[in-house]
Amino acid sequence: MNQAILFNDDLVFDEKQAAWCFTAQASGQLVTIYCHSAQLEKLEYIDNCTKFDIEEIVELWFEKNELEGDVIHIKI
């Protein structure tokens, strides 16, 4: 599947979900992405290198999965 994904620069930690969260535009649809990870949960902020790694994981998710709805939960 070849989709255009545009990641927004709004990465924040969502305490309710205990996950880092950000939004993206996938084929014109606004999607909220939650990244669940015990290691990432301990971090106070995400540096650019880690952010790019997360974005790559999300791109791989889109290659293997079909988007259903507007929320994605990914366990890293």
N, C-alpha and C. Protein backbone atom coordinates (compact mmCIF):
# COMPACT_ATOMS: atom_id res chain seq x y z
N MET A 1 0.85 -1.16 0.00
CA MET A 1 0.00 0.00 0.00
C MET A 1 0.90 1.24 0.00
N ASN A 2 0.67 2.15 -0.91
CA ASN A 2 1.48 3.34 -1.01
C ASN A 2 0.62 4.55 -0.66
N GLN A 3 0.73 5.01 0.58
CA GLN A 3 -0.05 6.15 1.03
C GLN A 3 0.88 7.30 1.35
N ALA A 4 0.39 8.49 1.12
CA ALA A 4 1.13 9.67 1.54
C ALA A 4 0.77 9.97 2.99
N ILE A 5 1.79 10.04 3.83
CA ILE A 5 1.57 10.31 5.24
C ILE A 5 2.32 11.58 5.60
N LEU A 6 1.62 12.55 6.14
CA LEU A 6 2.23 13.79 6.60
C LEU A 6 2.11 13.84 8.12
N PHE A 7 3.23 13.82 8.79
CA PHE A 7 3.23 13.84 10.25
C PHE A 7 3.20 15.28 10.74
N ASN A 8 2.31 15.55 11.69
CA ASN A 8 2.23 16.87 12.30
C ASN A 8 3.24 16.95 13.45
N ASP A 9 3.67 18.14 13.76
CA ASP A 9 4.66 18.35 14.80
C ASP A 9 3.95 18.66 16.13
N ASP A 10 3.16 17.69 16.61
CA ASP A 10 2.37 17.91 17.82
C ASP A 10 2.51 16.74 18.81
N LEU A 11 3.69 16.17 18.88
CA LEU A 11 3.95 15.03 19.74
C LEU A 11 3.87 15.43 21.21
N VAL A 12 2.98 14.77 21.95
CA VAL A 12 2.81 15.03 23.38
C VAL A 12 2.56 13.70 24.09
N PHE A 13 2.80 13.68 25.40
CA PHE A 13 2.52 12.49 26.17
C PHE A 13 1.09 12.58 26.69
N ASP A 14 0.29 11.57 26.41
CA ASP A 14 -1.10 11.49 26.86
C ASP A 14 -1.13 10.60 28.10
N GLU A 15 -1.29 11.23 29.25
CA GLU A 15 -1.26 10.46 30.51
C GLU A 15 -2.43 9.50 30.62
N LYS A 16 -3.58 9.85 30.09
CA LYS A 16 -4.75 8.98 30.15
C LYS A 16 -4.48 7.67 29.41
N GLN A 17 -3.82 7.74 28.26
CA GLN A 17 -3.50 6.56 27.46
C GLN A 17 -2.14 5.96 27.83
N ALA A 18 -1.36 6.69 28.62
CA ALA A 18 0.01 6.29 28.98
C ALA A 18 0.81 6.01 27.70
N ALA A 19 0.74 6.97 26.76
CA ALA A 19 1.40 6.80 25.47
C ALA A 19 1.72 8.16 24.88
N TRP A 20 2.77 8.17 24.04
CA TRP A 20 3.07 9.37 23.27
C TRP A 20 2.07 9.44 22.13
N CYS A 21 1.59 10.62 21.85
CA CYS A 21 0.50 10.80 20.88
C CYS A 21 0.85 11.94 19.92
N PHE A 22 0.48 11.75 18.67
CA PHE A 22 0.60 12.81 17.68
C PHE A 22 -0.41 12.56 16.57
N THR A 23 -0.56 13.53 15.69
CA THR A 23 -1.51 13.38 14.59
C THR A 23 -0.75 13.35 13.27
N ALA A 24 -1.45 12.84 12.28
CA ALA A 24 -0.89 12.76 10.92
C ALA A 24 -2.03 12.83 9.92
N GLN A 25 -1.69 13.20 8.72
CA GLN A 25 -2.64 13.18 7.61
C GLN A 25 -2.29 11.96 6.76
N ALA A 26 -3.21 11.04 6.67
CA ALA A 26 -3.01 9.83 5.86
C ALA A 26 -4.07 9.81 4.78
N SER A 27 -3.64 9.98 3.54
CA SER A 27 -4.55 10.05 2.40
C SER A 27 -5.67 11.06 2.64
N GLY A 28 -5.31 12.21 3.22
CA GLY A 28 -6.26 13.28 3.44
C GLY A 28 -7.06 13.16 4.71
N GLN A 29 -6.92 12.08 5.45
CA GLN A 29 -7.68 11.86 6.68
C GLN A 29 -6.80 12.18 7.90
N LEU A 30 -7.34 12.94 8.85
CA LEU A 30 -6.62 13.23 10.08
C LEU A 30 -6.68 12.01 10.99
N VAL A 31 -5.51 11.53 11.41
CA VAL A 31 -5.41 10.32 12.23
C VAL A 31 -4.63 10.66 13.50
N THR A 32 -5.13 10.18 14.63
CA THR A 32 -4.42 10.31 15.89
C THR A 32 -3.69 8.99 16.16
N ILE A 33 -2.41 9.09 16.47
CA ILE A 33 -1.57 7.91 16.64
C ILE A 33 -1.04 7.88 18.07
N TYR A 34 -1.28 6.75 18.76
CA TYR A 34 -0.77 6.54 20.11
C TYR A 34 0.33 5.49 20.03
N CYS A 35 1.50 5.83 20.56
CA CYS A 35 2.63 4.90 20.59
C CYS A 35 2.85 4.45 22.03
N HIS A 36 2.57 3.19 22.26
CA HIS A 36 2.69 2.61 23.59
C HIS A 36 4.04 1.91 23.71
N SER A 37 4.83 2.30 24.72
CA SER A 37 6.13 1.70 24.95
C SER A 37 6.54 1.96 26.39
N ALA A 38 6.95 0.91 27.08
CA ALA A 38 7.40 1.07 28.46
C ALA A 38 8.62 1.98 28.53
N GLN A 39 9.50 1.87 27.55
CA GLN A 39 10.71 2.71 27.53
C GLN A 39 10.38 4.17 27.23
N LEU A 40 9.54 4.39 26.23
CA LEU A 40 9.19 5.76 25.88
C LEU A 40 8.36 6.44 26.96
N GLU A 41 7.58 5.65 27.68
CA GLU A 41 6.72 6.19 28.73
C GLU A 41 7.54 6.89 29.82
N LYS A 42 8.77 6.47 30.01
CA LYS A 42 9.63 7.04 31.05
C LYS A 42 10.26 8.37 30.65
N LEU A 43 10.22 8.69 29.37
CA LEU A 43 10.87 9.91 28.87
C LEU A 43 10.02 11.15 29.12
N GLU A 44 10.70 12.25 29.45
CA GLU A 44 10.00 13.53 29.63
C GLU A 44 9.79 14.25 28.31
N TYR A 45 10.67 13.98 27.35
CA TYR A 45 10.52 14.56 26.02
C TYR A 45 11.11 13.59 25.00
N ILE A 46 10.75 13.78 23.75
CA ILE A 46 11.22 12.95 22.65
C ILE A 46 12.13 13.81 21.78
N ASP A 47 13.38 13.36 21.58
CA ASP A 47 14.27 14.10 20.70
C ASP A 47 13.95 13.79 19.24
N ASN A 48 14.54 14.55 18.33
CA ASN A 48 14.24 14.39 16.90
C ASN A 48 14.58 13.01 16.37
N CYS A 49 15.68 12.44 16.84
CA CYS A 49 16.08 11.11 16.37
C CYS A 49 15.03 10.06 16.74
N THR A 50 14.56 10.10 17.98
CA THR A 50 13.53 9.16 18.42
C THR A 50 12.22 9.42 17.69
N LYS A 51 11.91 10.69 17.47
CA LYS A 51 10.69 11.05 16.74
C LYS A 51 10.70 10.46 15.32
N PHE A 52 11.84 10.55 14.65
CA PHE A 52 11.94 9.99 13.30
C PHE A 52 11.82 8.46 13.34
N ASP A 53 12.35 7.83 14.37
CA ASP A 53 12.20 6.38 14.53
C ASP A 53 10.74 6.01 14.70
N ILE A 54 10.02 6.78 15.50
CA ILE A 54 8.59 6.52 15.70
C ILE A 54 7.83 6.69 14.39
N GLU A 55 8.15 7.73 13.65
CA GLU A 55 7.49 7.96 12.36
C GLU A 55 7.75 6.80 11.40
N GLU A 56 8.96 6.26 11.42
CA GLU A 56 9.28 5.11 10.57
C GLU A 56 8.45 3.89 10.97
N ILE A 57 8.28 3.69 12.26
CA ILE A 57 7.45 2.57 12.74
C ILE A 57 6.01 2.75 12.27
N VAL A 58 5.52 3.96 12.32
CA VAL A 58 4.15 4.24 11.86
C VAL A 58 4.03 3.98 10.35
N GLU A 59 5.03 4.38 9.58
CA GLU A 59 5.01 4.11 8.14
C GLU A 59 4.97 2.61 7.87
N LEU A 60 5.75 1.85 8.63
CA LEU A 60 5.72 0.38 8.48
C LEU A 60 4.36 -0.17 8.85
N TRP A 61 3.73 0.41 9.87
CA TRP A 61 2.38 -0.03 10.26
C TRP A 61 1.41 0.17 9.09
N PHE A 62 1.50 1.33 8.43
CA PHE A 62 0.61 1.61 7.30
C PHE A 62 0.86 0.66 6.13
N GLU A 63 2.09 0.19 5.95
CA GLU A 63 2.37 -0.75 4.88
C GLU A 63 1.71 -2.10 5.12
N LYS A 64 1.54 -2.47 6.39
CA LYS A 64 1.03 -3.80 6.73
C LYS A 64 -0.43 -3.81 7.16
N ASN A 65 -1.00 -2.65 7.43
CA ASN A 65 -2.35 -2.57 7.97
C ASN A 65 -3.23 -1.61 7.18
N GLU A 66 -4.49 -1.84 7.27
CA GLU A 66 -5.49 -0.99 6.64
C GLU A 66 -6.05 -0.04 7.69
N LEU A 67 -6.14 1.22 7.38
CA LEU A 67 -6.66 2.21 8.32
C LEU A 67 -8.16 2.02 8.49
N GLU A 68 -8.57 1.83 9.75
CA GLU A 68 -9.99 1.71 10.08
C GLU A 68 -10.28 2.72 11.18
N GLY A 69 -10.96 3.77 10.85
CA GLY A 69 -11.25 4.82 11.82
C GLY A 69 -10.17 5.89 11.80
N ASP A 70 -10.13 6.69 12.88
CA ASP A 70 -9.19 7.80 12.90
C ASP A 70 -8.22 7.75 14.07
N VAL A 71 -8.12 6.58 14.73
CA VAL A 71 -7.19 6.40 15.85
C VAL A 71 -6.41 5.11 15.64
N ILE A 72 -5.10 5.20 15.87
CA ILE A 72 -4.22 4.03 15.76
C ILE A 72 -3.45 3.88 17.07
N HIS A 73 -3.42 2.67 17.60
CA HIS A 73 -2.60 2.35 18.76
C HIS A 73 -1.52 1.38 18.33
N ILE A 74 -0.27 1.78 18.53
CA ILE A 74 0.87 0.95 18.13
C ILE A 74 1.71 0.65 19.36
N LYS A 75 1.96 -0.64 19.58
CA LYS A 75 2.85 -1.03 20.68
C LYS A 75 4.26 -1.19 20.12
N ILE A 76 5.18 -0.47 20.72
CA ILE A 76 6.56 -0.48 20.26
C ILE A 76 7.39 -1.34 21.21
